[in-house]
Amino acid sequence: MKNETNVVLVTGASSGIGRLTAERLHAEGYKVYGTSRHPEKYDALPFPLLKMDVTDRSSMESVVRELLEKEGRIDVLINNAGMGIGGAVEECPEEEARYQFETVFWGAARMSRLVLPHMREQGRGRIICISSIAGRLSLPYQAWYSAAKFAMEGLCEGLYLEVKPFGIDLVLVEPGDTRTRFTANRKWVNRVGSPYQEQTQRTRTIVEKNEIQGSDPEKVVRKIVRIVTKKHPRFRYMAGKPEEIAAVFLRSVLPYPLFARILAVFYGIKIKKKT
């Protein structure tokens, strides 16, 4: 899909994978637009950064309308905006869990629905959703995040078949642990005196260490750029370390109780033996 007239919209483009992807595509000659809740904080980017909140439908409609009025088309949508919640499922406030779904799942769903009418009229288009390996196997003390990514994956599998007859590609990208500000920005629920407190902290330490030592985000960005330029992309791409990809395979072939024991060891979870 590579030529100078192609318009690319990247959500969550003020930092991390979104920003690096937008910068790389801009350098490749695409007309790139990014979005952020606070674009006024970033004035040195090589691409326009539009004000948008993926939990606010009116701001999303405004951005799509503005872009179509200015460029007349949207060829590629990269659903990248998101956030993460860590902590025990039982203790996470419901409003926080709902916000997790609003940003990760509904943000991608709304944006896709908004651009699809225009892509259908064009007879072509590409929607790339940044999921996660955590969308293929649910992680302890990040279960709400995994649940939102699982929902995204389920939506995309069905949507892929619905839009393919109109010349529209739907692609999932699943990064593993990656060195970005996502780690520092994750919201943790860890109540003092909670029965989960000690385990939450132990697992958090392991999670953050793995992410700090994770893959270079450039690895993910290079894969996204190749997907944008590829004539016939696959539906799903994993972008993790070999051991992370192996974990997804094991999840698909092992009985879950056995796989859960492997995860428990990895995340330092002590499983109480039955007497």
C-alpha atoms as a PDB file:
ATOM      1  CA  MET A   1       0.000   0.000   0.000  1.00  0.00           C
ATOM      2  CA  LYS A   2       2.971   2.277  -0.317  1.00  0.00           C
ATOM      3  CA  ASN A   3       2.703   5.629  -2.071  1.00  0.00           C
ATOM      4  CA  GLU A   4       2.764   9.284  -1.112  1.00  0.00           C
ATOM      5  CA  THR A   5      -1.030   9.691  -1.251  1.00  0.00           C
ATOM      6  CA  ASN A   6      -1.775   7.095   1.429  1.00  0.00           C
ATOM      7  CA  VAL A   7      -3.128   8.595   4.644  1.00  0.00           C
ATOM      8  CA  VAL A   8      -2.331   6.843   7.931  1.00  0.00           C
ATOM      9  CA  LEU A   9      -4.032   7.550  11.264  1.00  0.00           C
ATOM     10  CA  VAL A  10      -2.246   6.322  14.412  1.00  0.00           C
ATOM     11  CA  THR A  11      -4.015   6.510  17.770  1.00  0.00           C
ATOM     12  CA  GLY A  12      -1.931   6.983  20.904  1.00  0.00           C
ATOM     13  CA  ALA A  13       0.933   8.498  18.919  1.00  0.00           C
ATOM     14  CA  SER A  14       2.491  10.778  21.532  1.00  0.00           C
ATOM     15  CA  SER A  15       4.877   8.151  22.912  1.00  0.00           C
ATOM     16  CA  GLY A  16       6.036   4.559  22.735  1.00  0.00           C
ATOM     17  CA  ILE A  17       5.223   2.246  19.858  1.00  0.00           C
ATOM     18  CA  GLY A  18       2.611   4.642  18.456  1.00  0.00           C
ATOM     19  CA  ARG A  19       5.003   7.567  18.219  1.00  0.00           C
ATOM     20  CA  LEU A  20       7.859   5.509  16.789  1.00  0.00           C
ATOM     21  CA  THR A  21       5.527   3.971  14.190  1.00  0.00           C
ATOM     22  CA  ALA A  22       4.164   7.366  13.150  1.00  0.00           C
ATOM     23  CA  GLU A  23       7.668   8.816  12.859  1.00  0.00           C
ATOM     24  CA  ARG A  24       8.900   5.886  10.773  1.00  0.00           C
ATOM     25  CA  LEU A  25       5.911   5.967   8.409  1.00  0.00           C
ATOM     26  CA  HIS A  26       6.285   9.741   8.046  1.00  0.00           C
ATOM     27  CA  ALA A  27       9.947   9.231   7.099  1.00  0.00           C
ATOM     28  CA  GLU A  28       8.816   6.627   4.541  1.00  0.00           C
ATOM     29  CA  GLY A  29       6.693   9.255   2.803  1.00  0.00           C
ATOM     30  CA  TYR A  30       3.208   8.538   4.150  1.00  0.00           C
ATOM     31  CA  LYS A  31       0.798  11.285   5.176  1.00  0.00           C
ATOM     32  CA  VAL A  32       0.688  10.458   8.863  1.00  0.00           C
ATOM     33  CA  TYR A  33      -1.623  11.857  11.522  1.00  0.00           C
ATOM     34  CA  GLY A  34      -1.383  10.889  15.162  1.00  0.00           C
ATOM     35  CA  THR A  35      -3.750  11.365  18.063  1.00  0.00           C
ATOM     36  CA  SER A  36      -3.259  12.177  21.735  1.00  0.00           C
ATOM     37  CA  ARG A  37      -5.385  13.364  24.637  1.00  0.00           C
ATOM     38  CA  HIS A  38      -2.904  16.200  25.208  1.00  0.00           C
ATOM     39  CA  PRO A  39      -1.278  17.172  21.887  1.00  0.00           C
ATOM     40  CA  GLU A  40      -0.301  20.576  23.300  1.00  0.00           C
ATOM     41  CA  LYS A  41       2.465  18.852  25.280  1.00  0.00           C
ATOM     42  CA  TYR A  42       4.274  17.758  22.124  1.00  0.00           C
ATOM     43  CA  ASP A  43       5.440  20.435  19.709  1.00  0.00           C
ATOM     44  CA  ALA A  44       8.490  18.849  18.059  1.00  0.00           C
ATOM     45  CA  LEU A  45       6.905  15.936  16.214  1.00  0.00           C
ATOM     46  CA  PRO A  46       7.368  15.589  12.438  1.00  0.00           C
ATOM     47  CA  PHE A  47       3.687  14.699  11.957  1.00  0.00           C
ATOM     48  CA  PRO A  48       0.441  16.448  13.033  1.00  0.00           C
ATOM     49  CA  LEU A  49      -0.896  15.339  16.415  1.00  0.00           C
ATOM     50  CA  LEU A  50      -4.669  15.706  16.738  1.00  0.00           C
ATOM     51  CA  LYS A  51      -6.556  15.967  20.019  1.00  0.00           C
ATOM     52  CA  MET A  52      -8.570  12.827  20.666  1.00  0.00           C
ATOM     53  CA  ASP A  53      -9.601  10.589  23.553  1.00  0.00           C
ATOM     54  CA  VAL A  54     -10.539   6.998  22.630  1.00  0.00           C
ATOM     55  CA  THR A  55     -13.070   6.972  25.479  1.00  0.00           C
ATOM     56  CA  ASP A  56     -14.861  10.011  24.011  1.00  0.00           C
ATOM     57  CA  ARG A  57     -16.847   9.176  20.881  1.00  0.00           C
ATOM     58  CA  SER A  58     -17.465  12.822  19.933  1.00  0.00           C
ATOM     59  CA  SER A  59     -13.723  13.568  19.862  1.00  0.00           C
ATOM     60  CA  MET A  60     -13.171  10.492  17.703  1.00  0.00           C
ATOM     61  CA  GLU A  61     -15.886  11.532  15.271  1.00  0.00           C
ATOM     62  CA  SER A  62     -14.353  15.008  15.122  1.00  0.00           C
ATOM     63  CA  VAL A  63     -10.909  13.664  14.205  1.00  0.00           C
ATOM     64  CA  VAL A  64     -12.230  11.354  11.481  1.00  0.00           C
ATOM     65  CA  ARG A  65     -14.362  14.164  10.059  1.00  0.00           C
ATOM     66  CA  GLU A  66     -11.442  16.616  10.126  1.00  0.00           C
ATOM     67  CA  LEU A  67      -9.133  14.161   8.415  1.00  0.00           C
ATOM     68  CA  LEU A  68     -11.628  13.319   5.678  1.00  0.00           C
ATOM     69  CA  GLU A  69     -12.321  16.993   5.033  1.00  0.00           C
ATOM     70  CA  LYS A  70      -8.604  17.717   4.748  1.00  0.00           C
ATOM     71  CA  GLU A  71      -7.316  14.632   2.931  1.00  0.00           C
ATOM     72  CA  GLY A  72     -10.454  13.067   1.484  1.00  0.00           C
ATOM     73  CA  ARG A  73      -9.406   9.585   2.556  1.00  0.00           C
ATOM     74  CA  ILE A  74      -8.079   7.325   5.298  1.00  0.00           C
ATOM     75  CA  ASP A  75      -6.113   4.351   3.993  1.00  0.00           C
ATOM     76  CA  VAL A  76      -4.628   2.890   7.173  1.00  0.00           C
ATOM     77  CA  LEU A  77      -5.879   3.001  10.761  1.00  0.00           C
ATOM     78  CA  ILE A  78      -3.486   1.817  13.464  1.00  0.00           C
ATOM     79  CA  ASN A  79      -5.380   1.210  16.705  1.00  0.00           C
ATOM     80  CA  ASN A  80      -2.561   1.638  19.197  1.00  0.00           C
ATOM     81  CA  ALA A  81      -3.972   3.703  22.085  1.00  0.00           C
ATOM     82  CA  GLY A  82      -4.277   1.847  25.363  1.00  0.00           C
ATOM     83  CA  MET A  83      -3.409   1.531  29.029  1.00  0.00           C
ATOM     84  CA  GLY A  84      -2.917  -1.224  31.584  1.00  0.00           C
ATOM     85  CA  ILE A  85      -4.255  -2.133  35.014  1.00  0.00           C
ATOM     86  CA  GLY A  86      -2.426  -4.504  37.351  1.00  0.00           C
ATOM     87  CA  GLY A  87      -3.658  -6.166  40.520  1.00  0.00           C
ATOM     88  CA  ALA A  88      -6.055  -8.815  41.738  1.00  0.00           C
ATOM     89  CA  VAL A  89      -9.338  -9.171  39.837  1.00  0.00           C
ATOM     90  CA  GLU A  90     -11.265  -9.143  43.116  1.00  0.00           C
ATOM     91  CA  GLU A  91      -9.792  -5.850  44.281  1.00  0.00           C
ATOM     92  CA  CYS A  92      -9.790  -3.801  41.098  1.00  0.00           C
ATOM     93  CA  PRO A  93     -12.561  -1.162  41.278  1.00  0.00           C
ATOM     94  CA  GLU A  94     -15.234  -1.755  38.684  1.00  0.00           C
ATOM     95  CA  GLU A  95     -14.799   1.737  37.234  1.00  0.00           C
ATOM     96  CA  GLU A  96     -11.105   1.010  36.624  1.00  0.00           C
ATOM     97  CA  ALA A  97     -11.909  -2.305  34.952  1.00  0.00           C
ATOM     98  CA  ARG A  98     -14.493  -0.570  32.749  1.00  0.00           C
ATOM     99  CA  TYR A  99     -11.963   2.101  31.818  1.00  0.00           C
ATOM    100  CA  GLN A 100      -9.547  -0.667  30.810  1.00  0.00           C
ATOM    101  CA  PHE A 101     -12.141  -1.952  28.357  1.00  0.00           C
ATOM    102  CA  GLU A 102     -13.075   1.560  27.219  1.00  0.00           C
ATOM    103  CA  THR A 103      -9.516   2.310  26.117  1.00  0.00           C
ATOM    104  CA  VAL A 104      -8.286  -1.048  24.842  1.00  0.00           C
ATOM    105  CA  PHE A 105     -11.418  -2.689  23.445  1.00  0.00           C
ATOM    106  CA  TRP A 106     -14.014  -0.004  22.824  1.00  0.00           C
ATOM    107  CA  GLY A 107     -11.415   2.519  21.661  1.00  0.00           C
ATOM    108  CA  ALA A 108     -10.329   0.181  18.856  1.00  0.00           C
ATOM    109  CA  ALA A 109     -13.908  -0.888  18.125  1.00  0.00           C
ATOM    110  CA  ARG A 110     -15.208   2.696  17.832  1.00  0.00           C
ATOM    111  CA  MET A 111     -12.348   3.869  15.633  1.00  0.00           C
ATOM    112  CA  SER A 112     -12.740   0.874  13.330  1.00  0.00           C
ATOM    113  CA  ARG A 113     -16.486   1.485  12.990  1.00  0.00           C
ATOM    114  CA  LEU A 114     -15.895   5.156  12.219  1.00  0.00           C
ATOM    115  CA  VAL A 115     -13.411   4.593   9.381  1.00  0.00           C
ATOM    116  CA  LEU A 116     -15.027   1.527   7.810  1.00  0.00           C
ATOM    117  CA  PRO A 117     -17.736   3.381   5.806  1.00  0.00           C
ATOM    118  CA  HIS A 118     -15.049   5.449   4.093  1.00  0.00           C
ATOM    119  CA  MET A 119     -12.783   2.468   3.457  1.00  0.00           C
ATOM    120  CA  ARG A 120     -15.709   0.592   1.914  1.00  0.00           C
ATOM    121  CA  GLU A 121     -16.397   3.522  -0.405  1.00  0.00           C
ATOM    122  CA  GLN A 122     -12.728   3.554  -1.404  1.00  0.00           C
ATOM    123  CA  GLY A 123     -12.794  -0.180  -2.013  1.00  0.00           C
ATOM    124  CA  ARG A 124      -9.600  -0.564  -0.002  1.00  0.00           C
ATOM    125  CA  GLY A 125      -8.123   0.059   3.418  1.00  0.00           C
ATOM    126  CA  ARG A 126      -6.209  -1.522   6.249  1.00  0.00           C
ATOM    127  CA  ILE A 127      -6.943  -1.620   9.986  1.00  0.00           C
ATOM    128  CA  ILE A 128      -4.067  -2.701  12.237  1.00  0.00           C
ATOM    129  CA  CYS A 129      -4.930  -3.409  15.863  1.00  0.00           C
ATOM    130  CA  ILE A 130      -2.091  -3.517  18.382  1.00  0.00           C
ATOM    131  CA  SER A 131      -3.035  -6.372  20.671  1.00  0.00           C
ATOM    132  CA  SER A 132      -0.625  -8.289  22.906  1.00  0.00           C
ATOM    133  CA  ILE A 133       0.645 -11.764  23.625  1.00  0.00           C
ATOM    134  CA  ALA A 134      -1.430 -11.193  26.783  1.00  0.00           C
ATOM    135  CA  GLY A 135      -4.396 -11.354  24.399  1.00  0.00           C
ATOM    136  CA  ARG A 136      -3.546 -14.989  23.664  1.00  0.00           C
ATOM    137  CA  LEU A 137      -2.835 -16.143  27.224  1.00  0.00           C
ATOM    138  CA  SER A 138      -4.231 -14.457  30.310  1.00  0.00           C
ATOM    139  CA  LEU A 139      -1.695 -13.208  32.829  1.00  0.00           C
ATOM    140  CA  PRO A 140      -2.143 -13.311  36.622  1.00  0.00           C
ATOM    141  CA  TYR A 141      -2.570  -9.909  38.242  1.00  0.00           C
ATOM    142  CA  GLN A 142      -3.136  -8.450  34.759  1.00  0.00           C
ATOM    143  CA  ALA A 143      -6.349 -10.330  34.058  1.00  0.00           C
ATOM    144  CA  TRP A 144      -8.438  -7.233  33.266  1.00  0.00           C
ATOM    145  CA  TYR A 145      -5.852  -6.140  30.689  1.00  0.00           C
ATOM    146  CA  SER A 146      -5.761  -9.634  29.193  1.00  0.00           C
ATOM    147  CA  ALA A 147      -9.559  -9.771  29.117  1.00  0.00           C
ATOM    148  CA  ALA A 148      -9.717  -6.507  27.131  1.00  0.00           C
ATOM    149  CA  LYS A 149      -7.108  -7.786  24.672  1.00  0.00           C
ATOM    150  CA  PHE A 150      -8.922 -11.149  24.385  1.00  0.00           C
ATOM    151  CA  ALA A 151     -12.068  -9.187  23.505  1.00  0.00           C
ATOM    152  CA  MET A 152     -10.160  -7.204  20.874  1.00  0.00           C
ATOM    153  CA  GLU A 153      -8.872 -10.424  19.326  1.00  0.00           C
ATOM    154  CA  GLY A 154     -12.336 -11.956  19.249  1.00  0.00           C
ATOM    155  CA  LEU A 155     -13.793  -8.867  17.588  1.00  0.00           C
ATOM    156  CA  CYS A 156     -11.013  -8.789  14.997  1.00  0.00           C
ATOM    157  CA  GLU A 157     -11.450 -12.435  14.048  1.00  0.00           C
ATOM    158  CA  GLY A 158     -15.090 -11.839  13.191  1.00  0.00           C
ATOM    159  CA  LEU A 159     -14.496  -8.427  11.635  1.00  0.00           C
ATOM    160  CA  TYR A 160     -11.783  -9.834   9.368  1.00  0.00           C
ATOM    161  CA  LEU A 161     -14.381 -11.927   7.532  1.00  0.00           C
ATOM    162  CA  GLU A 162     -16.930  -9.116   7.354  1.00  0.00           C
ATOM    163  CA  VAL A 163     -14.660  -6.528   5.716  1.00  0.00           C
ATOM    164  CA  LYS A 164     -12.505  -8.738   3.481  1.00  0.00           C
ATOM    165  CA  PRO A 165     -15.110  -8.749   0.655  1.00  0.00           C
ATOM    166  CA  PHE A 166     -14.792  -4.937   0.507  1.00  0.00           C
ATOM    167  CA  GLY A 167     -11.025  -5.002  -0.062  1.00  0.00           C
ATOM    168  CA  ILE A 168     -10.228  -4.102   3.555  1.00  0.00           C
ATOM    169  CA  ASP A 169      -7.478  -5.888   5.484  1.00  0.00           C
ATOM    170  CA  LEU A 170      -7.713  -6.474   9.232  1.00  0.00           C
ATOM    171  CA  VAL A 171      -4.423  -7.287  10.981  1.00  0.00           C
ATOM    172  CA  LEU A 172      -3.520  -8.068  14.592  1.00  0.00           C
ATOM    173  CA  VAL A 173      -0.055  -7.358  16.012  1.00  0.00           C
ATOM    174  CA  GLU A 174       0.826  -9.028  19.309  1.00  0.00           C
ATOM    175  CA  PRO A 175       3.900  -7.593  21.069  1.00  0.00           C
ATOM    176  CA  GLY A 176       5.412  -9.315  24.066  1.00  0.00           C
ATOM    177  CA  ASP A 177       7.279  -7.547  26.860  1.00  0.00           C
ATOM    178  CA  THR A 178       8.600  -4.313  25.345  1.00  0.00           C
ATOM    179  CA  ARG A 179      10.688  -1.485  26.761  1.00  0.00           C
ATOM    180  CA  THR A 180       8.302   1.491  26.706  1.00  0.00           C
ATOM    181  CA  ARG A 181       6.655   3.887  29.177  1.00  0.00           C
ATOM    182  CA  PHE A 182       3.739   1.451  29.390  1.00  0.00           C
ATOM    183  CA  THR A 183       5.466  -0.103  32.394  1.00  0.00           C
ATOM    184  CA  ALA A 184       5.688   3.177  34.308  1.00  0.00           C
ATOM    185  CA  ASN A 185       2.166   4.208  33.290  1.00  0.00           C
ATOM    186  CA  ARG A 186       0.414   0.995  34.343  1.00  0.00           C
ATOM    187  CA  LYS A 187      -2.045   1.487  37.211  1.00  0.00           C
ATOM    188  CA  TRP A 188      -1.578  -1.007  40.035  1.00  0.00           C
ATOM    189  CA  VAL A 189      -4.187  -1.908  42.637  1.00  0.00           C
ATOM    190  CA  ASN A 190      -2.408  -3.172  45.759  1.00  0.00           C
ATOM    191  CA  ARG A 191      -4.273  -2.534  48.994  1.00  0.00           C
ATOM    192  CA  VAL A 192      -2.382  -2.471  52.282  1.00  0.00           C
ATOM    193  CA  GLY A 193      -3.417  -5.418  54.416  1.00  0.00           C
ATOM    194  CA  SER A 194      -4.986  -7.228  51.489  1.00  0.00           C
ATOM    195  CA  PRO A 195      -4.609 -11.025  51.315  1.00  0.00           C
ATOM    196  CA  TYR A 196      -3.260 -10.411  47.804  1.00  0.00           C
ATOM    197  CA  GLN A 197      -0.769  -7.700  48.830  1.00  0.00           C
ATOM    198  CA  GLU A 198       2.382  -9.809  49.128  1.00  0.00           C
ATOM    199  CA  GLN A 199       1.707 -11.791  45.945  1.00  0.00           C
ATOM    200  CA  THR A 200       0.735  -8.693  43.961  1.00  0.00           C
ATOM    201  CA  GLN A 201       4.023  -7.032  44.855  1.00  0.00           C
ATOM    202  CA  ARG A 202       6.017 -10.171  44.071  1.00  0.00           C
ATOM    203  CA  THR A 203       4.372 -10.557  40.671  1.00  0.00           C
ATOM    204  CA  ARG A 204       4.658  -6.839  39.938  1.00  0.00           C
ATOM    205  CA  THR A 205       8.417  -6.967  40.533  1.00  0.00           C
ATOM    206  CA  ILE A 206       8.755  -9.831  38.060  1.00  0.00           C
ATOM    207  CA  VAL A 207       6.494  -8.184  35.459  1.00  0.00           C
ATOM    208  CA  GLU A 208       8.338  -4.879  35.564  1.00  0.00           C
ATOM    209  CA  LYS A 209      11.759  -6.541  35.431  1.00  0.00           C
ATOM    210  CA  ASN A 210      10.724  -8.534  32.355  1.00  0.00           C
ATOM    211  CA  GLU A 211       9.389  -5.440  30.619  1.00  0.00           C
ATOM    212  CA  ILE A 212      12.456  -3.330  31.416  1.00  0.00           C
ATOM    213  CA  GLN A 213      14.564  -6.142  29.956  1.00  0.00           C
ATOM    214  CA  GLY A 214      12.055  -6.724  27.149  1.00  0.00           C
ATOM    215  CA  SER A 215      12.305  -6.328  23.402  1.00  0.00           C
ATOM    216  CA  ASP A 216      13.381  -3.092  21.773  1.00  0.00           C
ATOM    217  CA  PRO A 217      10.185  -1.326  20.610  1.00  0.00           C
ATOM    218  CA  GLU A 218      11.881  -0.833  17.238  1.00  0.00           C
ATOM    219  CA  LYS A 219      11.346  -4.551  16.641  1.00  0.00           C
ATOM    220  CA  VAL A 220       7.588  -4.059  16.890  1.00  0.00           C
ATOM    221  CA  VAL A 221       7.695  -0.859  14.844  1.00  0.00           C
ATOM    222  CA  ARG A 222       9.574  -2.533  11.985  1.00  0.00           C
ATOM    223  CA  LYS A 223       6.921  -5.242  11.887  1.00  0.00           C
ATOM    224  CA  ILE A 224       4.077  -2.699  11.811  1.00  0.00           C
ATOM    225  CA  VAL A 225       5.737  -0.744   9.000  1.00  0.00           C
ATOM    226  CA  ARG A 226       6.171  -3.951   6.979  1.00  0.00           C
ATOM    227  CA  ILE A 227       2.487  -4.731   7.500  1.00  0.00           C
ATOM    228  CA  VAL A 228       1.508  -1.278   6.226  1.00  0.00           C
ATOM    229  CA  THR A 229       3.614  -1.690   3.089  1.00  0.00           C
ATOM    230  CA  LYS A 230       2.886  -5.379   2.451  1.00  0.00           C
ATOM    231  CA  LYS A 231       0.526  -6.141  -0.423  1.00  0.00           C
ATOM    232  CA  HIS A 232      -1.074  -9.174   1.218  1.00  0.00           C
ATOM    233  CA  PRO A 233      -0.497  -9.162   4.998  1.00  0.00           C
ATOM    234  CA  ARG A 234      -1.346 -12.084   7.218  1.00  0.00           C
ATOM    235  CA  PHE A 235      -4.072 -11.750   9.820  1.00  0.00           C
ATOM    236  CA  ARG A 236      -1.889 -12.168  12.916  1.00  0.00           C
ATOM    237  CA  TYR A 237       1.721 -11.315  13.730  1.00  0.00           C
ATOM    238  CA  MET A 238       3.470 -12.008  17.028  1.00  0.00           C
ATOM    239  CA  ALA A 239       6.313  -9.665  17.942  1.00  0.00           C
ATOM    240  CA  GLY A 240       7.866 -11.183  21.044  1.00  0.00           C
ATOM    241  CA  LYS A 241      10.892 -13.082  22.206  1.00  0.00           C
ATOM    242  CA  PRO A 242      11.163 -16.808  21.288  1.00  0.00           C
ATOM    243  CA  GLU A 243      10.165 -17.875  24.799  1.00  0.00           C
ATOM    244  CA  GLU A 244       7.035 -15.695  24.659  1.00  0.00           C
ATOM    245  CA  ILE A 245       6.008 -17.170  21.325  1.00  0.00           C
ATOM    246  CA  ALA A 246       6.712 -20.650  22.720  1.00  0.00           C
ATOM    247  CA  ALA A 247       4.405 -19.867  25.668  1.00  0.00           C
ATOM    248  CA  VAL A 248       1.532 -19.117  23.266  1.00  0.00           C
ATOM    249  CA  PHE A 249       2.134 -22.471  21.562  1.00  0.00           C
ATOM    250  CA  LEU A 250       2.230 -24.321  24.889  1.00  0.00           C
ATOM    251  CA  ARG A 251      -1.021 -22.633  25.952  1.00  0.00           C
ATOM    252  CA  SER A 252      -2.679 -24.102  22.848  1.00  0.00           C
ATOM    253  CA  VAL A 253      -1.533 -27.692  23.416  1.00  0.00           C
ATOM    254  CA  LEU A 254      -1.276 -28.218  27.173  1.00  0.00           C
ATOM    255  CA  PRO A 255      -4.182 -28.815  29.572  1.00  0.00           C
ATOM    256  CA  TYR A 256      -4.750 -25.481  31.276  1.00  0.00           C
ATOM    257  CA  PRO A 257      -3.990 -26.679  34.845  1.00  0.00           C
ATOM    258  CA  LEU A 258      -0.559 -27.819  33.644  1.00  0.00           C
ATOM    259  CA  PHE A 259       0.090 -24.591  31.768  1.00  0.00           C
ATOM    260  CA  ALA A 260      -1.077 -22.607  34.819  1.00  0.00           C
ATOM    261  CA  ARG A 261       1.591 -24.327  36.925  1.00  0.00           C
ATOM    262  CA  ILE A 262       4.225 -23.107  34.473  1.00  0.00           C
ATOM    263  CA  LEU A 263       2.869 -19.561  34.748  1.00  0.00           C
ATOM    264  CA  ALA A 264       2.791 -19.838  38.530  1.00  0.00           C
ATOM    265  CA  VAL A 265       6.488 -20.694  38.636  1.00  0.00           C
ATOM    266  CA  PHE A 266       7.321 -17.906  36.198  1.00  0.00           C
ATOM    267  CA  TYR A 267       5.418 -15.274  38.177  1.00  0.00           C
ATOM    268  CA  GLY A 268       6.419 -16.516  41.628  1.00  0.00           C
ATOM    269  CA  ILE A 269       2.915 -17.590  42.624  1.00  0.00           C
ATOM    270  CA  LYS A 270       2.715 -20.080  45.471  1.00  0.00           C
ATOM    271  CA  ILE A 271      -0.106 -22.522  44.905  1.00  0.00           C
ATOM    272  CA  LYS A 272      -1.472 -24.046  48.087  1.00  0.00           C
ATOM    273  CA  LYS A 273      -1.428 -27.817  48.074  1.00  0.00           C
ATOM    274  CA  LYS A 274      -4.604 -29.648  48.964  1.00  0.00           C
ATOM    275  CA  THR A 275      -4.498 -31.779  52.056  1.00  0.00           C
END
